[in-house]
Protein backbone atom coordinates (compact mmCIF):
# COMPACT_ATOMS: atom_id res chain seq x y z
CA MET A 1 108.87 67.14 207.88
CA ALA A 2 108.29 66.75 204.13
CA GLN A 3 111.10 65.62 201.94
CA THR A 4 111.64 67.39 198.62
CA ILE A 5 113.07 65.52 195.68
CA ILE A 6 114.64 67.71 193.03
CA THR A 7 115.16 66.21 189.62
CA ASN A 8 117.11 67.75 186.80
CA ASN A 9 115.50 67.04 183.46
CA ASN A 10 117.76 69.20 181.33
CA THR A 11 118.33 67.45 178.06
CA THR A 12 120.42 68.70 175.22
CA ARG A 13 120.23 67.52 171.67
CA SER A 14 123.09 67.88 169.34
CA GLY A 15 123.44 66.84 165.77
CA ILE A 16 122.22 67.83 162.37
CA SER A 17 118.58 68.54 161.65
CA PHE A 18 116.46 67.16 158.84
CA CYS A 19 116.82 70.44 156.95
CA GLY A 20 120.60 70.24 157.33
CA ILE A 21 120.73 66.71 155.98
CA LEU A 22 118.44 67.65 153.09
CA PHE A 23 120.68 70.63 152.25
CA ILE A 24 123.79 68.43 152.21
CA VAL A 25 122.11 65.86 149.95
CA LEU A 26 120.92 68.52 147.51
CA LEU A 27 124.32 70.21 147.53
CA LEU A 28 126.12 66.96 146.77
CA LEU A 29 123.71 66.25 143.93
CA LYS A 30 124.20 69.77 142.55
CA VAL A 31 127.99 69.76 142.51
CA GLY A 32 128.02 66.30 140.99
CA VAL A 33 129.70 64.23 143.68
CA VAL A 34 127.50 61.42 142.49
CA GLU A 35 128.61 60.05 139.11
CA THR A 36 125.48 61.23 137.29
CA GLN A 37 124.37 64.82 137.33
CA VAL A 38 120.88 64.26 138.62
CA VAL A 39 119.72 67.80 139.30
CA GLN A 40 120.05 70.98 137.32
CA TRP A 41 118.33 73.21 139.87
CA SER A 42 119.17 76.77 140.74
CA TRP A 43 121.15 77.58 143.86
CA TRP A 44 117.98 79.07 145.42
CA ALA A 45 116.42 75.62 145.36
CA ILE A 46 119.56 73.99 146.76
CA PHE A 47 119.68 76.41 149.71
CA ALA A 48 115.90 76.25 150.27
CA PRO A 49 116.14 73.82 153.23
CA LEU A 50 118.13 76.50 155.05
CA TRP A 51 116.03 79.60 154.34
CA VAL A 52 112.46 78.26 153.97
CA PRO A 53 111.97 77.41 157.69
CA SER A 54 113.17 80.89 158.63
CA ALA A 55 110.87 82.45 156.04
CA ILE A 56 107.92 80.50 157.43
CA VAL A 57 108.66 81.71 160.97
CA VAL A 58 109.00 85.33 159.79
CA GLY A 59 105.74 85.02 157.84
CA ILE A 60 103.86 83.66 160.85
CA MET A 61 105.27 86.43 163.04
CA ALA A 62 104.19 89.04 160.47
CA ILE A 63 100.65 87.64 160.37
CA ILE A 64 100.45 87.64 164.17
CA THR A 65 101.76 91.23 164.29
CA VAL A 66 99.24 92.48 161.72
CA PHE A 67 96.43 90.66 163.53
CA GLY A 68 97.51 92.20 166.84
CA ILE A 69 97.62 95.70 165.34
CA LEU A 70 94.15 95.24 163.84
CA VAL A 71 92.72 93.97 167.13
CA ALA A 72 94.29 96.88 169.03
CA ALA A 73 92.89 99.35 166.51
CA ALA A 74 89.43 97.77 166.73
CA ILE A 75 89.49 97.91 170.53
CA ALA A 76 90.56 101.55 170.47
CA TYR A 77 87.87 102.36 167.90
CA PHE A 78 85.04 100.74 169.87
CA GLU A 79 86.19 102.20 173.21
CA ASP A 80 85.72 105.70 171.81
CA LYS A 81 82.08 105.07 170.87
């Protein structure tokens, strides 16, 4: 009779990401918590660590979708011939 060993490798990570830390640093520099006002950037640049990763994912998904539609159209076109 064979013996089965079941292991549970569920790991959870909690904490703040690199983008979160970068956002907090840029925000603190923007509002002037540090004695010198180092940055005079727009709020779009300050919030960039939060929205740029999402924009990259959406862009990649859009490229994959367009590629998939083109491949499906090409397959349908050549099946008719």
